N, C-alpha and C. Protein backbone atom coordinates (compact mmCIF):
# COMPACT_ATOMS: atom_id res chain seq x y z
N MET A 1 113.02 69.32 114.49
CA MET A 1 113.48 70.69 114.53
C MET A 1 112.31 71.64 114.28
N THR A 2 112.30 72.73 115.01
CA THR A 2 111.27 73.74 114.86
C THR A 2 111.43 74.46 113.53
N ASP A 3 110.33 74.74 112.85
CA ASP A 3 110.38 75.55 111.63
C ASP A 3 110.94 76.92 111.98
N ARG A 4 111.74 77.45 111.07
CA ARG A 4 112.29 78.78 111.27
C ARG A 4 111.22 79.80 110.89
N SER A 5 110.95 80.73 111.81
CA SER A 5 109.96 81.76 111.56
C SER A 5 110.27 82.98 112.41
N VAL A 6 109.64 84.09 112.07
CA VAL A 6 109.74 85.29 112.88
C VAL A 6 108.37 85.97 112.89
N GLU A 7 107.95 86.38 114.06
CA GLU A 7 106.69 87.12 114.21
C GLU A 7 107.01 88.44 114.91
N HIS A 8 106.63 89.54 114.27
CA HIS A 8 106.89 90.87 114.84
C HIS A 8 105.68 91.36 115.61
N SER A 9 105.95 92.03 116.72
CA SER A 9 104.88 92.59 117.52
C SER A 9 105.44 93.75 118.35
N SER A 10 104.54 94.46 118.99
CA SER A 10 104.96 95.52 119.91
C SER A 10 103.89 95.69 120.97
N PHE A 11 104.30 96.28 122.07
CA PHE A 11 103.35 96.59 123.14
C PHE A 11 103.85 97.78 123.93
N THR A 12 102.93 98.40 124.63
CA THR A 12 103.25 99.55 125.48
C THR A 12 102.58 99.35 126.83
N ILE A 13 103.33 99.66 127.87
CA ILE A 13 102.81 99.63 129.24
C ILE A 13 103.03 101.02 129.83
N GLU A 14 101.98 101.60 130.38
CA GLU A 14 102.09 102.92 130.99
C GLU A 14 101.81 102.82 132.48
N ARG A 15 102.62 103.50 133.28
CA ARG A 15 102.45 103.51 134.73
C ARG A 15 102.69 104.92 135.25
N SER A 16 101.96 105.28 136.27
CA SER A 16 102.18 106.54 136.98
C SER A 16 102.75 106.22 138.35
N PHE A 17 103.76 106.98 138.73
CA PHE A 17 104.39 106.81 140.03
C PHE A 17 104.42 108.13 140.78
N LYS A 18 104.33 108.06 142.09
CA LYS A 18 104.51 109.25 142.92
C LYS A 18 105.98 109.65 142.96
N ALA A 19 106.87 108.70 142.71
CA ALA A 19 108.31 108.95 142.70
C ALA A 19 108.67 109.94 141.60
N THR A 20 109.72 110.69 141.82
CA THR A 20 110.18 111.67 140.84
C THR A 20 110.88 110.97 139.67
N PRO A 21 111.03 111.66 138.54
CA PRO A 21 111.80 111.08 137.44
C PRO A 21 113.23 110.69 137.84
N VAL A 22 113.85 111.45 138.72
CA VAL A 22 115.19 111.12 139.21
C VAL A 22 115.18 109.77 139.92
N GLU A 23 114.18 109.54 140.76
CA GLU A 23 114.09 108.27 141.49
C GLU A 23 113.79 107.10 140.56
N VAL A 24 112.94 107.31 139.58
CA VAL A 24 112.63 106.25 138.62
C VAL A 24 113.86 105.91 137.79
N PHE A 25 114.55 106.92 137.29
CA PHE A 25 115.77 106.70 136.51
C PHE A 25 116.80 105.94 137.34
N ARG A 26 116.95 106.32 138.59
CA ARG A 26 117.91 105.67 139.49
C ARG A 26 117.60 104.18 139.65
N ALA A 27 116.33 103.82 139.66
CA ALA A 27 115.95 102.41 139.80
C ALA A 27 116.42 101.58 138.61
N PHE A 28 116.56 102.21 137.45
CA PHE A 28 117.08 101.52 136.26
C PHE A 28 118.61 101.60 136.18
N SER A 29 119.19 102.69 136.64
CA SER A 29 120.61 102.95 136.38
C SER A 29 121.56 102.46 137.47
N GLU A 30 121.12 102.40 138.70
CA GLU A 30 122.01 101.98 139.79
C GLU A 30 121.92 100.47 139.97
N PRO A 31 123.06 99.78 139.89
CA PRO A 31 123.06 98.31 139.95
C PRO A 31 122.32 97.73 141.15
N ALA A 32 122.56 98.23 142.35
CA ALA A 32 121.92 97.65 143.54
C ALA A 32 120.41 97.81 143.48
N ALA A 33 119.95 98.96 143.02
CA ALA A 33 118.51 99.19 142.91
C ALA A 33 117.90 98.27 141.86
N LYS A 34 118.53 98.17 140.70
CA LYS A 34 117.98 97.33 139.64
C LYS A 34 117.95 95.86 140.06
N GLU A 35 118.96 95.42 140.77
CA GLU A 35 118.96 94.02 141.24
C GLU A 35 117.80 93.74 142.17
N ARG A 36 117.37 94.73 142.94
CA ARG A 36 116.26 94.50 143.87
C ARG A 36 114.94 94.27 143.17
N TRP A 37 114.71 94.93 142.03
CA TRP A 37 113.41 94.80 141.37
C TRP A 37 113.44 94.01 140.07
N PHE A 38 114.57 93.95 139.39
CA PHE A 38 114.62 93.35 138.07
C PHE A 38 114.91 91.85 138.09
N VAL A 39 115.73 91.42 139.02
CA VAL A 39 116.06 90.00 139.12
C VAL A 39 115.99 89.58 140.58
N ASN A 40 115.85 88.30 140.81
CA ASN A 40 115.83 87.77 142.16
C ASN A 40 117.18 87.10 142.44
N VAL A 41 118.16 87.93 142.84
CA VAL A 41 119.49 87.37 143.07
C VAL A 41 119.49 86.38 144.24
N GLU A 42 118.55 86.54 145.15
CA GLU A 42 118.45 85.60 146.27
C GLU A 42 118.06 84.21 145.80
N ALA A 43 117.38 84.12 144.64
CA ALA A 43 116.97 82.83 144.09
C ALA A 43 117.99 82.31 143.09
N GLY A 44 119.16 82.94 143.03
CA GLY A 44 120.22 82.46 142.16
C GLY A 44 120.34 83.18 140.83
N ALA A 45 119.51 84.17 140.58
CA ALA A 45 119.63 84.92 139.32
C ALA A 45 120.94 85.71 139.33
N GLN A 46 121.46 85.94 138.15
CA GLN A 46 122.71 86.69 138.00
C GLN A 46 122.50 87.83 137.03
N ILE A 47 123.19 88.95 137.27
CA ILE A 47 123.10 90.09 136.36
C ILE A 47 124.42 90.83 136.39
N THR A 48 124.84 91.33 135.22
CA THR A 48 126.00 92.20 135.13
C THR A 48 125.52 93.56 134.66
N HIS A 49 126.24 94.61 135.02
CA HIS A 49 125.80 95.97 134.71
C HIS A 49 126.90 96.76 134.03
N ASP A 50 126.54 97.52 133.02
CA ASP A 50 127.40 98.52 132.41
C ASP A 50 126.47 99.57 131.80
N PHE A 51 125.88 100.37 132.66
CA PHE A 51 124.83 101.32 132.27
C PHE A 51 125.46 102.58 131.68
N ARG A 52 125.64 102.54 130.37
CA ARG A 52 126.13 103.69 129.59
C ARG A 52 125.81 103.39 128.14
N VAL A 53 125.77 104.41 127.31
CA VAL A 53 125.52 104.17 125.89
C VAL A 53 126.63 103.27 125.36
N GLY A 54 126.24 102.17 124.73
CA GLY A 54 127.19 101.17 124.25
C GLY A 54 127.51 100.11 125.29
N GLY A 55 127.10 100.33 126.53
CA GLY A 55 127.36 99.37 127.59
C GLY A 55 126.46 98.14 127.46
N ARG A 56 126.91 97.06 128.04
CA ARG A 56 126.17 95.80 127.96
C ARG A 56 125.73 95.37 129.36
N GLU A 57 124.61 94.69 129.36
CA GLU A 57 124.08 94.09 130.59
C GLU A 57 123.65 92.68 130.22
N SER A 58 123.89 91.76 131.10
CA SER A 58 123.41 90.40 130.85
C SER A 58 122.83 89.85 132.14
N GLY A 59 121.88 88.95 131.97
CA GLY A 59 121.25 88.33 133.13
C GLY A 59 120.91 86.89 132.84
N ARG A 60 120.94 86.09 133.87
CA ARG A 60 120.57 84.69 133.77
C ARG A 60 119.65 84.38 134.94
N PHE A 61 118.51 83.78 134.62
CA PHE A 61 117.56 83.45 135.68
C PHE A 61 116.77 82.23 135.28
N SER A 62 116.10 81.64 136.26
CA SER A 62 115.30 80.45 136.02
C SER A 62 113.93 80.66 136.65
N VAL A 63 112.89 80.21 135.94
CA VAL A 63 111.55 80.32 136.48
C VAL A 63 111.08 78.99 137.06
N ASP A 64 111.80 77.94 136.78
CA ASP A 64 111.53 76.63 137.36
C ASP A 64 112.85 75.87 137.38
N ASP A 65 112.83 74.62 137.78
CA ASP A 65 114.07 73.86 137.90
C ASP A 65 114.69 73.49 136.56
N GLY A 66 113.92 73.52 135.47
CA GLY A 66 114.44 73.04 134.20
C GLY A 66 114.61 74.05 133.11
N THR A 67 114.12 75.29 133.29
CA THR A 67 114.18 76.29 132.23
C THR A 67 115.04 77.46 132.67
N THR A 68 116.07 77.75 131.91
CA THR A 68 116.96 78.87 132.20
C THR A 68 116.84 79.89 131.08
N TYR A 69 116.75 81.15 131.46
CA TYR A 69 116.67 82.25 130.51
C TYR A 69 117.93 83.10 130.64
N TYR A 70 118.36 83.63 129.51
CA TYR A 70 119.53 84.50 129.47
C TYR A 70 119.18 85.69 128.59
N ASP A 71 119.44 86.90 129.09
CA ASP A 71 119.24 88.07 128.25
C ASP A 71 120.56 88.79 128.07
N ASP A 72 120.74 89.33 126.90
CA ASP A 72 121.94 90.08 126.54
C ASP A 72 121.48 91.43 126.01
N THR A 73 121.85 92.49 126.71
CA THR A 73 121.34 93.84 126.45
C THR A 73 122.47 94.77 126.08
N VAL A 74 122.21 95.68 125.15
CA VAL A 74 123.12 96.79 124.86
C VAL A 74 122.30 98.08 124.93
N TYR A 75 122.86 99.08 125.62
CA TYR A 75 122.19 100.37 125.75
C TYR A 75 122.49 101.24 124.54
N LEU A 76 121.45 101.69 123.86
CA LEU A 76 121.58 102.46 122.63
C LEU A 76 121.51 103.96 122.86
N ASP A 77 120.71 104.40 123.83
CA ASP A 77 120.53 105.83 124.09
C ASP A 77 120.12 106.00 125.55
N ILE A 78 120.75 106.95 126.22
CA ILE A 78 120.41 107.26 127.60
C ILE A 78 120.39 108.77 127.75
N VAL A 79 119.27 109.30 128.20
CA VAL A 79 119.16 110.71 128.56
C VAL A 79 118.79 110.72 130.05
N GLU A 80 119.71 111.18 130.87
CA GLU A 80 119.54 111.10 132.31
C GLU A 80 118.19 111.64 132.76
N ASN A 81 117.50 110.85 133.57
CA ASN A 81 116.21 111.17 134.17
C ASN A 81 115.08 111.33 133.16
N ARG A 82 115.30 110.92 131.89
CA ARG A 82 114.28 111.12 130.87
C ARG A 82 114.03 109.93 129.95
N ARG A 83 115.12 109.23 129.50
CA ARG A 83 114.90 108.21 128.49
C ARG A 83 116.02 107.16 128.53
N ILE A 84 115.63 105.90 128.30
CA ILE A 84 116.57 104.79 128.16
C ILE A 84 116.08 103.95 126.98
N ILE A 85 116.95 103.71 126.02
CA ILE A 85 116.61 102.83 124.90
C ILE A 85 117.65 101.73 124.86
N PHE A 86 117.17 100.49 124.79
CA PHE A 86 118.10 99.36 124.77
C PHE A 86 117.58 98.28 123.82
N ALA A 87 118.52 97.49 123.32
CA ALA A 87 118.19 96.33 122.50
C ALA A 87 118.63 95.09 123.26
N TYR A 88 117.82 94.03 123.16
CA TYR A 88 118.22 92.81 123.85
C TYR A 88 117.72 91.57 123.15
N THR A 89 118.45 90.50 123.37
CA THR A 89 118.02 89.19 122.90
C THR A 89 117.72 88.34 124.12
N MET A 90 116.79 87.41 123.95
CA MET A 90 116.42 86.50 125.03
C MET A 90 116.65 85.07 124.54
N THR A 91 117.29 84.29 125.38
CA THR A 91 117.59 82.89 125.08
C THR A 91 116.95 82.02 126.14
N GLN A 92 116.36 80.92 125.73
CA GLN A 92 115.75 79.95 126.65
C GLN A 92 116.48 78.63 126.45
N ASN A 93 117.12 78.14 127.51
CA ASN A 93 117.87 76.88 127.43
C ASN A 93 118.73 76.82 126.17
N ASP A 94 119.51 77.85 125.94
CA ASP A 94 120.46 77.92 124.82
C ASP A 94 119.83 78.06 123.44
N ARG A 95 118.54 78.39 123.36
CA ARG A 95 117.89 78.65 122.06
C ARG A 95 117.38 80.08 122.06
N ARG A 96 117.83 80.86 121.08
CA ARG A 96 117.40 82.25 120.97
C ARG A 96 115.91 82.28 120.68
N ILE A 97 115.14 83.03 121.49
CA ILE A 97 113.69 83.08 121.32
C ILE A 97 113.18 84.44 120.87
N SER A 98 113.99 85.50 121.04
CA SER A 98 113.52 86.82 120.62
C SER A 98 114.66 87.82 120.53
N ALA A 99 114.37 88.91 119.80
CA ALA A 99 115.25 90.07 119.73
C ALA A 99 114.34 91.30 119.81
N SER A 100 114.72 92.28 120.63
CA SER A 100 113.84 93.41 120.90
C SER A 100 114.58 94.73 120.95
N VAL A 101 113.82 95.80 120.73
CA VAL A 101 114.25 97.16 121.04
C VAL A 101 113.20 97.70 122.01
N ALA A 102 113.66 98.23 123.14
CA ALA A 102 112.74 98.74 124.16
C ALA A 102 113.09 100.18 124.52
N THR A 103 112.05 100.95 124.80
CA THR A 103 112.20 102.35 125.20
C THR A 103 111.52 102.56 126.54
N VAL A 104 112.25 103.15 127.47
CA VAL A 104 111.71 103.57 128.76
C VAL A 104 111.64 105.09 128.70
N ASP A 105 110.43 105.61 128.57
CA ASP A 105 110.20 107.05 128.46
C ASP A 105 109.73 107.54 129.83
N ILE A 106 110.56 108.33 130.48
CA ILE A 106 110.31 108.80 131.84
C ILE A 106 109.85 110.26 131.75
N GLN A 107 108.57 110.48 131.99
CA GLN A 107 107.99 111.81 131.80
C GLN A 107 107.59 112.42 133.15
N PRO A 108 108.00 113.67 133.40
CA PRO A 108 107.51 114.34 134.60
C PRO A 108 106.00 114.48 134.52
N ALA A 109 105.33 114.24 135.65
CA ALA A 109 103.87 114.36 135.73
C ALA A 109 103.54 114.97 137.08
N GLY A 110 103.39 116.28 137.12
CA GLY A 110 103.18 116.95 138.41
C GLY A 110 104.43 116.77 139.26
N THR A 111 104.23 116.24 140.47
CA THR A 111 105.39 115.96 141.33
C THR A 111 105.89 114.53 141.17
N GLY A 112 105.23 113.76 140.31
CA GLY A 112 105.59 112.36 140.10
C GLY A 112 106.10 112.10 138.70
N THR A 113 105.84 110.88 138.24
CA THR A 113 106.37 110.42 136.96
C THR A 113 105.34 109.59 136.22
N ARG A 114 105.30 109.78 134.93
CA ARG A 114 104.56 108.89 134.04
C ARG A 114 105.62 108.13 133.25
N LEU A 115 105.62 106.81 133.38
CA LEU A 115 106.57 105.97 132.67
C LEU A 115 105.84 105.26 131.52
N VAL A 116 106.40 105.36 130.33
CA VAL A 116 105.85 104.68 129.17
C VAL A 116 106.92 103.72 128.66
N PHE A 117 106.66 102.43 128.79
CA PHE A 117 107.57 101.39 128.32
C PHE A 117 107.02 100.82 127.01
N THR A 118 107.81 100.88 125.96
CA THR A 118 107.40 100.34 124.66
C THR A 118 108.45 99.35 124.19
N GLU A 119 108.00 98.18 123.77
CA GLU A 119 108.92 97.17 123.24
C GLU A 119 108.46 96.75 121.85
N GLN A 120 109.41 96.73 120.93
CA GLN A 120 109.20 96.19 119.58
C GLN A 120 110.00 94.89 119.56
N VAL A 121 109.33 93.80 119.23
CA VAL A 121 109.97 92.49 119.41
C VAL A 121 109.79 91.61 118.19
N ALA A 122 110.82 90.83 117.91
CA ALA A 122 110.76 89.78 116.90
C ALA A 122 110.83 88.45 117.65
N PHE A 123 109.72 87.71 117.64
CA PHE A 123 109.67 86.39 118.28
C PHE A 123 110.17 85.36 117.26
N LEU A 124 111.09 84.53 117.68
CA LEU A 124 111.77 83.62 116.77
C LEU A 124 111.28 82.19 116.89
N ASP A 125 110.98 81.59 115.77
CA ASP A 125 110.70 80.16 115.64
C ASP A 125 109.56 79.66 116.53
N GLY A 126 108.62 80.55 116.86
CA GLY A 126 107.46 80.15 117.65
C GLY A 126 107.77 79.79 119.09
N LEU A 127 108.94 80.24 119.60
CA LEU A 127 109.37 79.83 120.93
C LEU A 127 108.96 80.80 122.04
N ASP A 128 108.35 81.92 121.70
CA ASP A 128 107.90 82.89 122.70
C ASP A 128 106.65 83.56 122.14
N LYS A 129 105.92 84.24 123.02
CA LYS A 129 104.66 84.86 122.61
C LYS A 129 104.53 86.24 123.24
N LEU A 130 103.74 87.08 122.58
CA LEU A 130 103.50 88.43 123.06
C LEU A 130 102.93 88.43 124.48
N GLU A 131 101.96 87.57 124.75
CA GLU A 131 101.35 87.59 126.09
C GLU A 131 102.35 87.23 127.19
N TYR A 132 103.32 86.36 126.88
CA TYR A 132 104.34 86.01 127.88
C TYR A 132 105.25 87.21 128.15
N ARG A 133 105.69 87.85 127.07
CA ARG A 133 106.62 88.97 127.23
C ARG A 133 105.94 90.14 127.92
N ARG A 134 104.75 90.49 127.48
CA ARG A 134 104.02 91.58 128.13
C ARG A 134 103.76 91.26 129.59
N GLY A 135 103.35 90.02 129.87
CA GLY A 135 103.11 89.61 131.25
C GLY A 135 104.35 89.72 132.11
N GLY A 136 105.50 89.35 131.54
CA GLY A 136 106.75 89.49 132.28
C GLY A 136 107.06 90.93 132.62
N TRP A 137 106.86 91.82 131.65
CA TRP A 137 107.11 93.24 131.93
C TRP A 137 106.07 93.85 132.86
N GLU A 138 104.83 93.36 132.81
CA GLU A 138 103.81 93.82 133.78
C GLU A 138 104.27 93.47 135.20
N GLU A 139 104.78 92.25 135.38
CA GLU A 139 105.30 91.85 136.70
C GLU A 139 106.48 92.72 137.10
N LEU A 140 107.37 93.01 136.15
CA LEU A 140 108.52 93.86 136.47
C LEU A 140 108.08 95.27 136.85
N MET A 141 107.05 95.80 136.22
CA MET A 141 106.55 97.13 136.57
C MET A 141 105.98 97.13 138.00
N GLY A 142 105.36 96.03 138.38
CA GLY A 142 104.90 95.90 139.76
C GLY A 142 106.06 95.86 140.73
N ALA A 143 107.12 95.16 140.37
CA ALA A 143 108.32 95.10 141.22
C ALA A 143 109.01 96.46 141.28
N LEU A 144 109.00 97.19 140.16
CA LEU A 144 109.55 98.55 140.16
C LEU A 144 108.75 99.44 141.10
N ALA A 145 107.44 99.35 141.05
CA ALA A 145 106.59 100.15 141.95
C ALA A 145 106.95 99.85 143.41
N LYS A 146 107.12 98.59 143.72
CA LYS A 146 107.50 98.20 145.08
C LYS A 146 108.87 98.78 145.45
N GLU A 147 109.82 98.73 144.52
CA GLU A 147 111.14 99.31 144.76
C GLU A 147 111.04 100.80 145.05
N LEU A 148 110.09 101.47 144.39
CA LEU A 148 109.90 102.91 144.58
C LEU A 148 109.06 103.23 145.82
N GLY A 149 108.66 102.17 146.56
CA GLY A 149 107.91 102.37 147.80
C GLY A 149 106.44 102.65 147.56
N GLU A 150 105.92 102.18 146.43
CA GLU A 150 104.53 102.46 146.08
C GLU A 150 103.67 101.20 146.16
N ALA A 151 102.40 101.41 146.39
CA ALA A 151 101.47 100.28 146.42
C ALA A 151 101.39 99.69 145.02
N VAL A 152 101.30 98.38 144.96
CA VAL A 152 101.21 97.68 143.67
C VAL A 152 99.75 97.40 143.40
N ALA A 153 99.28 97.79 142.22
CA ALA A 153 97.89 97.54 141.85
C ALA A 153 97.64 96.05 141.73
N ALA A 154 96.47 95.62 142.18
CA ALA A 154 96.13 94.19 142.13
C ALA A 154 95.70 93.78 140.75
């Protein structure tokens, strides 16, 4: 059995988009748009949506044939076209690996948007790491850019 432990960490990812704050917010709030960039439903991933304060979202996906991830999200604060705050837990093959609070800060920047994503995370029992979580969100930001019709930085 793995020793019980918790490691706290946080990270921030900043991106600039030509898309307006309305378009960026829509990519998070509209189920069809979020499915296109957040999960790969064509590869068998599943997601449920209830985008409202107190609403829940859950997703199940696999990165290989043997590892399944499940996230359970609750929306804590939503300010249309400006801010989304949510808490979520991540489970790997039925073992809880983390609990997080994340903020999506959508800031007008000229005719575009500056997005600041900040996550505060508790990694549980040594089953996940900061570099994995940050890397996953970096990939998601690239997919979001693509959803918004923007070139993805290499």
